[in-house]
């Protein structure tokens, strides 16, 4: 590994939106700095929604399955 080309890898403190804290290793800031998150898996709808379904609007899913359905079939 080449010397002097890699960033400093050290421990930082991470504070989640609900106030919980943990220590991890990162290249962010300096050793002992605190990273406060605005969005985390406990608060962001991408992780908390969980009820997403595929809606077939205008037959798009069925057209896709007709065109590429052969890829889903398994050989016996």
PDB file of N, CA and C in Angstrom:
ATOM      1  N   UNK A   1       0.840  -1.168   0.000  1.00  0.00           N
ATOM      2  CA  UNK A   1       0.000   0.000   0.000  1.00  0.00           C
ATOM      3  C   UNK A   1       0.893   1.242   0.000  1.00  0.00           C
ATOM      4  N   UNK A   2       0.553   2.215  -0.834  1.00  0.00           N
ATOM      5  CA  UNK A   2       1.353   3.427  -0.924  1.00  0.00           C
ATOM      6  C   UNK A   2       1.210   4.261   0.344  1.00  0.00           C
ATOM      7  N   UNK A   3       2.273   4.875   0.741  1.00  0.00           N
ATOM      8  CA  UNK A   3       2.283   5.721   1.926  1.00  0.00           C
ATOM      9  C   UNK A   3       1.778   7.116   1.572  1.00  0.00           C
ATOM     10  N   UNK A   4       1.018   7.727   2.478  1.00  0.00           N
ATOM     11  CA  UNK A   4       0.639   9.134   2.348  1.00  0.00           C
ATOM     12  C   UNK A   4      -0.504   9.448   1.407  1.00  0.00           C
ATOM     13  N   UNK A   5      -1.162   8.447   0.803  1.00  0.00           N
ATOM     14  CA  UNK A   5      -2.242   8.764  -0.131  1.00  0.00           C
ATOM     15  C   UNK A   5      -3.625   8.467   0.457  1.00  0.00           C
ATOM     16  N   UNK A   6      -3.679   7.798   1.598  1.00  0.00           N
ATOM     17  CA  UNK A   6      -4.952   7.421   2.187  1.00  0.00           C
ATOM     18  C   UNK A   6      -5.355   8.409   3.277  1.00  0.00           C
ATOM     19  N   UNK A   7      -6.667   8.704   3.392  1.00  0.00           N
ATOM     20  CA  UNK A   7      -7.112   9.633   4.431  1.00  0.00           C
ATOM     21  C   UNK A   7      -6.971   9.008   5.822  1.00  0.00           C
ATOM     22  N   UNK A   8      -6.937   9.857   6.825  1.00  0.00           N
ATOM     23  CA  UNK A   8      -6.838   9.412   8.216  1.00  0.00           C
ATOM     24  C   UNK A   8      -8.129   8.702   8.618  1.00  0.00           C
ATOM     25  N   UNK A   9      -8.023   7.502   9.129  1.00  0.00           N
ATOM     26  CA  UNK A   9      -9.155   6.676   9.534  1.00  0.00           C
ATOM     27  C   UNK A   9      -9.144   6.612  11.055  1.00  0.00           C
ATOM     28  N   UNK A  10     -10.160   7.189  11.699  1.00  0.00           N
ATOM     29  CA  UNK A  10     -10.155   7.346  13.145  1.00  0.00           C
ATOM     30  C   UNK A  10     -11.568   7.150  13.703  1.00  0.00           C
ATOM     31  N   UNK A  11     -11.727   7.249  15.025  1.00  0.00           N
ATOM     32  CA  UNK A  11     -13.045   7.076  15.642  1.00  0.00           C
ATOM     33  C   UNK A  11     -13.763   8.419  15.747  1.00  0.00           C
ATOM     34  N   UNK A  12     -15.084   8.374  15.518  1.00  0.00           N
ATOM     35  CA  UNK A  12     -15.939   9.548  15.683  1.00  0.00           C
ATOM     36  C   UNK A  12     -17.182   9.127  16.462  1.00  0.00           C
ATOM     37  N   UNK A  13     -17.902  10.105  16.984  1.00  0.00           N
ATOM     38  CA  UNK A  13     -19.161   9.875  17.671  1.00  0.00           C
ATOM     39  C   UNK A  13     -20.300  10.234  16.720  1.00  0.00           C
ATOM     40  N   UNK A  14     -21.300   9.375  16.627  1.00  0.00           N
ATOM     41  CA  UNK A  14     -22.457   9.620  15.773  1.00  0.00           C
ATOM     42  C   UNK A  14     -23.677   9.782  16.665  1.00  0.00           C
ATOM     43  N   UNK A  15     -24.460  10.861  16.425  1.00  0.00           N
ATOM     44  CA  UNK A  15     -25.677  11.115  17.181  1.00  0.00           C
ATOM     45  C   UNK A  15     -26.850  11.001  16.218  1.00  0.00           C
ATOM     46  N   UNK A  16     -27.764  10.050  16.503  1.00  0.00           N
ATOM     47  CA  UNK A  16     -28.941   9.828  15.659  1.00  0.00           C
ATOM     48  C   UNK A  16     -29.989  10.900  15.953  1.00  0.00           C
ATOM     49  N   UNK A  17     -31.052  10.951  15.138  1.00  0.00           N
ATOM     50  CA  UNK A  17     -32.086  11.970  15.318  1.00  0.00           C
ATOM     51  C   UNK A  17     -32.842  11.807  16.623  1.00  0.00           C
ATOM     52  N   UNK A  18     -32.918  10.593  17.166  1.00  0.00           N
ATOM     53  CA  UNK A  18     -33.633  10.389  18.431  1.00  0.00           C
ATOM     54  C   UNK A  18     -32.728  10.573  19.651  1.00  0.00           C
ATOM     55  N   UNK A  19     -31.471  10.964  19.435  1.00  0.00           N
ATOM     56  CA  UNK A  19     -30.560  11.235  20.538  1.00  0.00           C
ATOM     57  C   UNK A  19     -29.640  10.093  20.904  1.00  0.00           C
ATOM     58  N   UNK A  20     -29.853   8.906  20.335  1.00  0.00           N
ATOM     59  CA  UNK A  20     -28.952   7.798  20.641  1.00  0.00           C
ATOM     60  C   UNK A  20     -27.583   8.078  20.034  1.00  0.00           C
ATOM     61  N   UNK A  21     -26.558   7.567  20.697  1.00  0.00           N
ATOM     62  CA  UNK A  21     -25.182   7.824  20.271  1.00  0.00           C
ATOM     63  C   UNK A  21     -24.435   6.511  20.130  1.00  0.00           C
ATOM     64  N   UNK A  22     -23.478   6.488  19.213  1.00  0.00           N
ATOM     65  CA  UNK A  22     -22.564   5.359  19.096  1.00  0.00           C
ATOM     66  C   UNK A  22     -21.248   5.833  18.522  1.00  0.00           C
ATOM     67  N   UNK A  23     -20.235   5.022  18.681  1.00  0.00           N
ATOM     68  CA  UNK A  23     -18.890   5.341  18.197  1.00  0.00           C
ATOM     69  C   UNK A  23     -18.593   4.427  17.018  1.00  0.00           C
ATOM     70  N   UNK A  24     -18.042   5.001  15.966  1.00  0.00           N
ATOM     71  CA  UNK A  24     -17.659   4.231  14.786  1.00  0.00           C
ATOM     72  C   UNK A  24     -16.359   4.788  14.237  1.00  0.00           C
ATOM     73  N   UNK A  25     -15.818   4.115  13.246  1.00  0.00           N
ATOM     74  CA  UNK A  25     -14.591   4.587  12.600  1.00  0.00           C
ATOM     75  C   UNK A  25     -14.967   5.217  11.265  1.00  0.00           C
ATOM     76  N   UNK A  26     -14.294   6.320  10.911  1.00  0.00           N
ATOM     77  CA  UNK A  26     -14.629   7.054   9.705  1.00  0.00           C
ATOM     78  C   UNK A  26     -13.457   7.934   9.281  1.00  0.00           C
ATOM     79  N   UNK A  27     -13.581   8.502   8.087  1.00  0.00           N
ATOM     80  CA  UNK A  27     -12.621   9.498   7.627  1.00  0.00           C
ATOM     81  C   UNK A  27     -13.177  10.909   7.824  1.00  0.00           C
ATOM     82  N   UNK A  28     -14.390  11.018   8.403  1.00  0.00           N
ATOM     83  CA  UNK A  28     -15.041  12.301   8.654  1.00  0.00           C
ATOM     84  C   UNK A  28     -14.315  13.062   9.760  1.00  0.00           C
ATOM     85  N   UNK A  29     -14.048  14.332   9.555  1.00  0.00           N
ATOM     86  CA  UNK A  29     -13.503  15.209  10.593  1.00  0.00           C
ATOM     87  C   UNK A  29     -12.197  14.731  11.187  1.00  0.00           C
ATOM     88  N   UNK A  30     -12.067  15.025  12.500  1.00  0.00           N
ATOM     89  CA  UNK A  30     -10.875  14.619  13.247  1.00  0.00           C
ATOM     90  C   UNK A  30     -11.260  13.594  14.292  1.00  0.00           C
ATOM     91  N   UNK A  31     -10.285  12.986  14.899  1.00  0.00           N
ATOM     92  CA  UNK A  31     -10.523  11.985  15.934  1.00  0.00           C
ATOM     93  C   UNK A  31     -11.356  12.581  17.066  1.00  0.00           C
ATOM     94  N   UNK A  32     -12.486  11.935  17.397  1.00  0.00           N
ATOM     95  CA  UNK A  32     -13.343  12.397  18.482  1.00  0.00           C
ATOM     96  C   UNK A  32     -14.430  13.370  18.078  1.00  0.00           C
ATOM     97  N   UNK A  33     -14.471  13.806  16.796  1.00  0.00           N
ATOM     98  CA  UNK A  33     -15.533  14.708  16.337  1.00  0.00           C
ATOM     99  C   UNK A  33     -16.894  14.029  16.432  1.00  0.00           C
ATOM    100  N   UNK A  34     -17.963  14.857  16.427  1.00  0.00           N
ATOM    101  CA  UNK A  34     -19.323  14.345  16.508  1.00  0.00           C
ATOM    102  C   UNK A  34     -20.045  14.618  15.198  1.00  0.00           C
ATOM    103  N   UNK A  35     -20.677  13.592  14.660  1.00  0.00           N
ATOM    104  CA  UNK A  35     -21.480  13.695  13.448  1.00  0.00           C
ATOM    105  C   UNK A  35     -22.942  13.578  13.859  1.00  0.00           C
ATOM    106  N   UNK A  36     -23.718  14.653  13.688  1.00  0.00           N
ATOM    107  CA  UNK A  36     -25.141  14.642  14.023  1.00  0.00           C
ATOM    108  C   UNK A  36     -25.935  14.385  12.748  1.00  0.00           C
ATOM    109  N   UNK A  37     -26.730  13.335  12.759  1.00  0.00           N
ATOM    110  CA  UNK A  37     -27.494  12.963  11.579  1.00  0.00           C
ATOM    111  C   UNK A  37     -28.828  13.697  11.527  1.00  0.00           C
ATOM    112  N   UNK A  38     -29.210  14.182  10.338  1.00  0.00           N
ATOM    113  CA  UNK A  38     -30.522  14.785  10.127  1.00  0.00           C
ATOM    114  C   UNK A  38     -31.533  13.710   9.748  1.00  0.00           C
ATOM    115  N   UNK A  39     -31.073  12.680   9.072  1.00  0.00           N
ATOM    116  CA  UNK A  39     -31.931  11.595   8.610  1.00  0.00           C
ATOM    117  C   UNK A  39     -31.264  10.287   8.999  1.00  0.00           C
ATOM    118  N   UNK A  40     -32.043   9.359   9.541  1.00  0.00           N
ATOM    119  CA  UNK A  40     -31.510   8.045   9.858  1.00  0.00           C
ATOM    120  C   UNK A  40     -32.588   6.992   9.615  1.00  0.00           C
ATOM    121  N   UNK A  41     -32.247   5.722   9.669  1.00  0.00           N
ATOM    122  CA  UNK A  41     -33.211   4.662   9.360  1.00  0.00           C
ATOM    123  C   UNK A  41     -34.439   4.637  10.265  1.00  0.00           C
ATOM    124  N   UNK A  42     -34.371   5.254  11.437  1.00  0.00           N
ATOM    125  CA  UNK A  42     -35.530   5.265  12.329  1.00  0.00           C
ATOM    126  C   UNK A  42     -36.540   6.348  11.961  1.00  0.00           C
ATOM    127  N   UNK A  43     -36.122   7.372  11.189  1.00  0.00           N
ATOM    128  CA  UNK A  43     -37.011   8.494  10.907  1.00  0.00           C
ATOM    129  C   UNK A  43     -37.322   8.687   9.427  1.00  0.00           C
ATOM    130  N   UNK A  44     -36.525   8.153   8.523  1.00  0.00           N
ATOM    131  CA  UNK A  44     -36.717   8.397   7.093  1.00  0.00           C
ATOM    132  C   UNK A  44     -37.770   7.453   6.515  1.00  0.00           C
ATOM    133  N   UNK A  45     -38.707   7.977   5.711  1.00  0.00           N
ATOM    134  CA  UNK A  45     -39.777   7.137   5.161  1.00  0.00           C
ATOM    135  C   UNK A  45     -39.289   6.012   4.252  1.00  0.00           C
ATOM    136  N   UNK A  46     -38.102   6.132   3.699  1.00  0.00           N
ATOM    137  CA  UNK A  46     -37.596   5.050   2.857  1.00  0.00           C
ATOM    138  C   UNK A  46     -37.409   3.780   3.670  1.00  0.00           C
ATOM    139  N   UNK A  47     -37.112   3.908   4.959  1.00  0.00           N
ATOM    140  CA  UNK A  47     -36.927   2.742   5.820  1.00  0.00           C
ATOM    141  C   UNK A  47     -38.158   2.442   6.671  1.00  0.00           C
ATOM    142  N   UNK A  48     -38.969   3.466   6.972  1.00  0.00           N
ATOM    143  CA  UNK A  48     -40.088   3.256   7.886  1.00  0.00           C
ATOM    144  C   UNK A  48     -41.386   2.927   7.180  1.00  0.00           C
ATOM    145  N   UNK A  49     -41.501   3.209   5.865  1.00  0.00           N
ATOM    146  CA  UNK A  49     -42.743   2.958   5.133  1.00  0.00           C
ATOM    147  C   UNK A  49     -43.112   1.497   5.131  1.00  0.00           C
ATOM    148  N   UNK A  50     -42.348   0.702   4.424  1.00  0.00           N
ATOM    149  CA  UNK A  50     -42.526  -0.732   4.428  1.00  0.00           C
ATOM    150  C   UNK A  50     -43.799  -1.252   3.807  1.00  0.00           C
ATOM    151  N   UNK A  51     -44.667  -0.389   3.283  1.00  0.00           N
ATOM    152  CA  UNK A  51     -45.933  -0.856   2.717  1.00  0.00           C
ATOM    153  C   UNK A  51     -46.021  -0.581   1.221  1.00  0.00           C
ATOM    154  N   UNK A  52     -44.881  -0.434   0.575  1.00  0.00           N
ATOM    155  CA  UNK A  52     -44.894  -0.134  -0.854  1.00  0.00           C
ATOM    156  C   UNK A  52     -45.307  -1.360  -1.647  1.00  0.00           C
ATOM    157  N   UNK A  53     -46.143  -1.136  -2.656  1.00  0.00           N
ATOM    158  CA  UNK A  53     -46.555  -2.196  -3.561  1.00  0.00           C
ATOM    159  C   UNK A  53     -46.374  -1.706  -4.990  1.00  0.00           C
ATOM    160  N   UNK A  54     -46.263  -2.642  -5.907  1.00  0.00           N
ATOM    161  CA  UNK A  54     -46.135  -2.285  -7.313  1.00  0.00           C
ATOM    162  C   UNK A  54     -47.535  -2.098  -7.881  1.00  0.00           C
ATOM    163  N   UNK A  55     -47.803  -0.912  -8.393  1.00  0.00           N
ATOM    164  CA  UNK A  55     -49.094  -0.640  -9.007  1.00  0.00           C
ATOM    165  C   UNK A  55     -48.941  -0.754 -10.515  1.00  0.00           C
ATOM    166  N   UNK A  56     -49.857  -1.462 -11.141  1.00  0.00           N
ATOM    167  CA  UNK A  56     -49.815  -1.639 -12.588  1.00  0.00           C
ATOM    168  C   UNK A  56     -50.636  -0.530 -13.239  1.00  0.00           C
ATOM    169  N   UNK A  57     -49.988   0.582 -13.523  1.00  0.00           N
ATOM    170  CA  UNK A  57     -50.675   1.710 -14.145  1.00  0.00           C
ATOM    171  C   UNK A  57     -50.504   1.636 -15.650  1.00  0.00           C
ATOM    172  N   UNK A  58     -51.590   1.487 -16.337  1.00  0.00           N
ATOM    173  CA  UNK A  58     -51.547   1.456 -17.797  1.00  0.00           C
ATOM    174  C   UNK A  58     -50.958   0.176 -18.351  1.00  0.00           C
ATOM    175  N   UNK A  59     -50.944  -0.906 -17.577  1.00  0.00           N
ATOM    176  CA  UNK A  59     -50.462  -2.184 -18.059  1.00  0.00           C
ATOM    177  C   UNK A  59     -48.954  -2.282 -18.190  1.00  0.00           C
ATOM    178  N   UNK A  60     -48.213  -1.416 -17.527  1.00  0.00           N
ATOM    179  CA  UNK A  60     -46.760  -1.414 -17.669  1.00  0.00           C
ATOM    180  C   UNK A  60     -46.133  -2.705 -17.150  1.00  0.00           C
ATOM    181  N   UNK A  61     -46.601  -3.166 -15.997  1.00  0.00           N
ATOM    182  CA  UNK A  61     -46.030  -4.381 -15.425  1.00  0.00           C
ATOM    183  C   UNK A  61     -46.365  -5.573 -16.305  1.00  0.00           C
ATOM    184  N   UNK A  62     -47.606  -5.653 -16.766  1.00  0.00           N
ATOM    185  CA  UNK A  62     -47.986  -6.787 -17.609  1.00  0.00           C
ATOM    186  C   UNK A  62     -47.234  -6.760 -18.941  1.00  0.00           C
ATOM    187  N   UNK A  63     -47.019  -5.571 -19.508  1.00  0.00           N
ATOM    188  CA  UNK A  63     -46.237  -5.488 -20.750  1.00  0.00           C
ATOM    189  C   UNK A  63     -44.797  -5.918 -20.509  1.00  0.00           C
ATOM    190  N   UNK A  64     -44.228  -5.532 -19.366  1.00  0.00           N
ATOM    191  CA  UNK A  64     -42.870  -5.948 -19.035  1.00  0.00           C
ATOM    192  C   UNK A  64     -42.801  -7.463 -18.901  1.00  0.00           C
ATOM    193  N   UNK A  65     -43.793  -8.049 -18.213  1.00  0.00           N
ATOM    194  CA  UNK A  65     -43.788  -9.496 -18.030  1.00  0.00           C
ATOM    195  C   UNK A  65     -43.960 -10.219 -19.364  1.00  0.00           C
ATOM    196  N   UNK A  66     -44.746  -9.661 -20.281  1.00  0.00           N
ATOM    197  CA  UNK A  66     -44.894 -10.277 -21.593  1.00  0.00           C
ATOM    198  C   UNK A  66     -43.577 -10.232 -22.360  1.00  0.00           C
ATOM    199  N   UNK A  67     -42.895  -9.107 -22.272  1.00  0.00           N
ATOM    200  CA  UNK A  67     -41.668  -8.924 -23.033  1.00  0.00           C
ATOM    201  C   UNK A  67     -40.498  -9.717 -22.443  1.00  0.00           C
ATOM    202  N   UNK A  68     -40.385  -9.721 -21.106  1.00  0.00           N
ATOM    203  CA  UNK A  68     -39.230 -10.327 -20.459  1.00  0.00           C
ATOM    204  C   UNK A  68     -39.599 -11.505 -19.565  1.00  0.00           C
ATOM    205  N   UNK A  69     -40.793 -12.038 -19.691  1.00  0.00           N
ATOM    206  CA  UNK A  69     -41.236 -13.141 -18.858  1.00  0.00           C
ATOM    207  C   UNK A  69     -40.399 -14.395 -19.028  1.00  0.00           C
ATOM    208  N   UNK A  70     -39.804 -14.566 -20.188  1.00  0.00           N
ATOM    209  CA  UNK A  70     -38.978 -15.754 -20.434  1.00  0.00           C
ATOM    210  C   UNK A  70     -37.775 -15.817 -19.502  1.00  0.00           C
ATOM    211  N   UNK A  71     -37.350 -14.695 -18.945  1.00  0.00           N
ATOM    212  CA  UNK A  71     -36.206 -14.688 -18.046  1.00  0.00           C
ATOM    213  C   UNK A  71     -36.538 -15.307 -16.687  1.00  0.00           C
ATOM    214  N   UNK A  72     -37.823 -15.314 -16.335  1.00  0.00           N
ATOM    215  CA  UNK A  72     -38.247 -15.820 -15.031  1.00  0.00           C
ATOM    216  C   UNK A  72     -38.456 -17.329 -15.027  1.00  0.00           C
ATOM    217  N   UNK A  73     -38.610 -17.932 -16.199  1.00  0.00           N
ATOM    218  CA  UNK A  73     -38.872 -19.357 -16.273  1.00  0.00           C
ATOM    219  C   UNK A  73     -37.618 -20.158 -15.968  1.00  0.00           C
ATOM    220  N   UNK A  74     -37.792 -21.197 -15.195  1.00  0.00           N
ATOM    221  CA  UNK A  74     -36.651 -22.040 -14.822  1.00  0.00           C
ATOM    222  C   UNK A  74     -36.634 -23.297 -15.676  1.00  0.00           C
ATOM    223  N   UNK A  75     -35.443 -23.695 -16.122  1.00  0.00           N
ATOM    224  CA  UNK A  75     -35.301 -24.904 -16.909  1.00  0.00           C
ATOM    225  C   UNK A  75     -35.457 -26.128 -16.013  1.00  0.00           C
ATOM    226  N   UNK A  76     -36.123 -27.151 -16.526  1.00  0.00           N
ATOM    227  CA  UNK A  76     -36.362 -28.351 -15.711  1.00  0.00           C
ATOM    228  C   UNK A  76     -35.172 -29.277 -15.701  1.00  0.00           C
TER     229      UNK A  76
END
